[in-house]
């Protein structure tokens, strides 16, 4: 499994604790009118089960945060940032910058499109040569 690193390539996870109350806070803020995500769990179900699932989720998140191990299912998720209003621009840039450190190490060398520092012309040259 991959280790989680920050922009300066140092491992993260030893300074913060993810607790049940923090998870409950996020679950309480879920918009029940949104569609399910990649996990196919509807936000209404997650919100209604906040009391029952917040502690197990906190344990999973804390373990992942401390060890840097990411469950395989999380690696397969598709992350798409859709800007709907100007206020999301800053948040999406911060998220994109943080994820780029991890994702560039995980992307196959043949992936060129939408990858920083790689161009489609590189793949064409490789194919022709």
Protein backbone atom coordinates (compact mmCIF):
# COMPACT_ATOMS: atom_id res chain seq x y z
CA UNK A 1 0.00 0.00 0.00
CA UNK A 2 1.05 3.58 -0.64
CA UNK A 3 2.25 5.94 2.03
CA UNK A 4 0.61 9.35 2.30
CA UNK A 5 3.10 12.17 1.89
CA UNK A 6 2.76 15.93 1.85
CA UNK A 7 4.23 18.37 -0.67
CA UNK A 8 7.67 18.23 0.97
CA UNK A 9 7.72 14.41 0.60
CA UNK A 10 7.49 13.78 4.36
CA UNK A 11 5.04 11.25 5.73
CA UNK A 12 1.94 12.63 7.39
CA UNK A 13 -0.32 11.17 9.99
CA UNK A 14 1.30 11.46 13.38
CA UNK A 15 0.10 14.91 14.44
CA UNK A 16 -3.72 14.78 14.30
CA UNK A 17 -6.40 12.44 15.60
CA UNK A 18 -9.57 11.78 13.65
CA UNK A 19 -12.32 11.26 16.18
CA UNK A 20 -15.92 10.12 16.23
CA UNK A 21 -17.20 13.68 16.76
CA UNK A 22 -15.31 14.96 13.73
CA UNK A 23 -16.81 12.23 11.56
CA UNK A 24 -20.28 12.90 12.99
CA UNK A 25 -19.86 16.58 12.19
CA UNK A 26 -19.12 15.81 8.53
CA UNK A 27 -21.93 13.25 8.26
CA UNK A 28 -24.41 15.74 9.74
CA UNK A 29 -23.50 18.22 6.99
CA UNK A 30 -24.17 15.79 4.12
CA UNK A 31 -26.66 17.02 1.54
CA UNK A 32 -29.33 14.31 1.36
CA UNK A 33 -30.42 15.61 -2.05
CA UNK A 34 -27.12 14.68 -3.71
CA UNK A 35 -26.56 11.49 -5.68
CA UNK A 36 -24.55 8.57 -4.27
CA UNK A 37 -20.81 8.63 -4.81
CA UNK A 38 -18.49 5.92 -6.12
CA UNK A 39 -19.28 3.82 -3.03
CA UNK A 40 -22.96 3.77 -4.11
CA UNK A 41 -24.05 4.83 -0.62
CA UNK A 42 -26.76 7.49 -0.71
CA UNK A 43 -25.99 10.50 1.52
CA UNK A 44 -29.42 10.16 3.17
CA UNK A 45 -28.50 6.66 4.43
CA UNK A 46 -25.13 7.85 5.73
CA UNK A 47 -26.75 10.81 7.48
CA UNK A 48 -29.52 8.73 9.05
CA UNK A 49 -26.95 6.19 10.33
CA UNK A 50 -24.57 8.82 11.71
CA UNK A 51 -24.69 7.47 15.28
CA UNK A 52 -24.10 3.88 14.20
CA UNK A 53 -21.32 4.44 11.64
CA UNK A 54 -19.35 7.41 12.96
CA UNK A 55 -17.19 5.40 15.36
CA UNK A 56 -16.26 2.61 12.88
CA UNK A 57 -15.52 5.23 10.22
CA UNK A 58 -13.38 7.22 12.66
CA UNK A 59 -11.36 4.07 13.43
CA UNK A 60 -10.84 3.35 9.71
CA UNK A 61 -9.89 6.96 8.92
CA UNK A 62 -7.57 7.24 11.94
CA UNK A 63 -5.78 3.99 11.07
CA UNK A 64 -5.34 5.11 7.47
CA UNK A 65 -4.13 8.55 8.60
CA UNK A 66 -1.61 7.16 11.12
CA UNK A 67 -0.19 4.38 8.95
CA UNK A 68 -0.44 6.04 5.57
CA UNK A 69 -2.05 2.89 4.20
CA UNK A 70 -4.89 3.59 1.80
CA UNK A 71 -7.55 0.90 1.19
CA UNK A 72 -7.49 -0.45 -2.36
CA UNK A 73 -11.10 0.68 -2.93
CA UNK A 74 -10.10 4.29 -2.24
CA UNK A 75 -7.38 4.08 -4.88
CA UNK A 76 -9.89 3.05 -7.53
CA UNK A 77 -12.20 6.01 -6.95
CA UNK A 78 -12.58 8.64 -9.63
CA UNK A 79 -12.00 12.17 -8.41
CA UNK A 80 -13.68 14.87 -10.46
CA UNK A 81 -13.75 18.49 -9.42
CA UNK A 82 -16.68 20.40 -10.88
CA UNK A 83 -16.59 24.13 -10.33
CA UNK A 84 -20.13 25.44 -9.86
CA UNK A 85 -19.43 28.81 -8.31
CA UNK A 86 -16.38 31.04 -8.01
CA UNK A 87 -15.98 30.26 -4.28
CA UNK A 88 -15.02 26.65 -5.03
CA UNK A 89 -12.01 27.71 -7.09
CA UNK A 90 -9.68 28.12 -4.11
CA UNK A 91 -10.78 24.86 -2.46
CA UNK A 92 -10.40 22.87 -5.66
CA UNK A 93 -6.90 24.25 -6.30
CA UNK A 94 -5.79 23.30 -2.78
CA UNK A 95 -7.23 19.80 -3.22
CA UNK A 96 -5.71 19.43 -6.69
CA UNK A 97 -2.27 20.50 -5.44
CA UNK A 98 -2.37 18.04 -2.55
CA UNK A 99 -3.59 15.17 -4.70
CA UNK A 100 -1.10 15.82 -7.49
CA UNK A 101 1.77 14.72 -5.25
CA UNK A 102 0.16 11.34 -4.64
CA UNK A 103 -1.51 10.80 -8.00
CA UNK A 104 1.54 11.50 -10.18
CA UNK A 105 3.29 8.58 -8.48
CA UNK A 106 0.32 6.28 -9.12
CA UNK A 107 -0.38 7.15 -12.77
CA UNK A 108 1.02 4.71 -15.33
CA UNK A 109 3.84 6.07 -17.50
CA UNK A 110 1.66 5.69 -20.62
CA UNK A 111 -0.92 8.12 -19.25
CA UNK A 112 -0.20 11.48 -20.84
CA UNK A 113 -3.40 13.46 -21.11
CA UNK A 114 -4.32 15.63 -18.11
CA UNK A 115 -1.03 14.79 -16.38
CA UNK A 116 1.40 17.56 -15.46
CA UNK A 117 4.63 17.40 -17.44
CA UNK A 118 3.38 14.76 -19.86
CA UNK A 119 2.02 15.37 -23.34
CA UNK A 120 0.17 13.30 -25.91
CA UNK A 121 3.00 13.94 -28.36
CA UNK A 122 5.31 11.93 -26.06
CA UNK A 123 3.16 8.82 -26.57
CA UNK A 124 2.97 9.41 -30.33
CA UNK A 125 6.77 9.69 -30.57
CA UNK A 126 7.20 6.56 -28.46
CA UNK A 127 4.78 4.65 -30.70
CA UNK A 128 6.45 5.78 -33.92
CA UNK A 129 9.98 5.07 -32.70
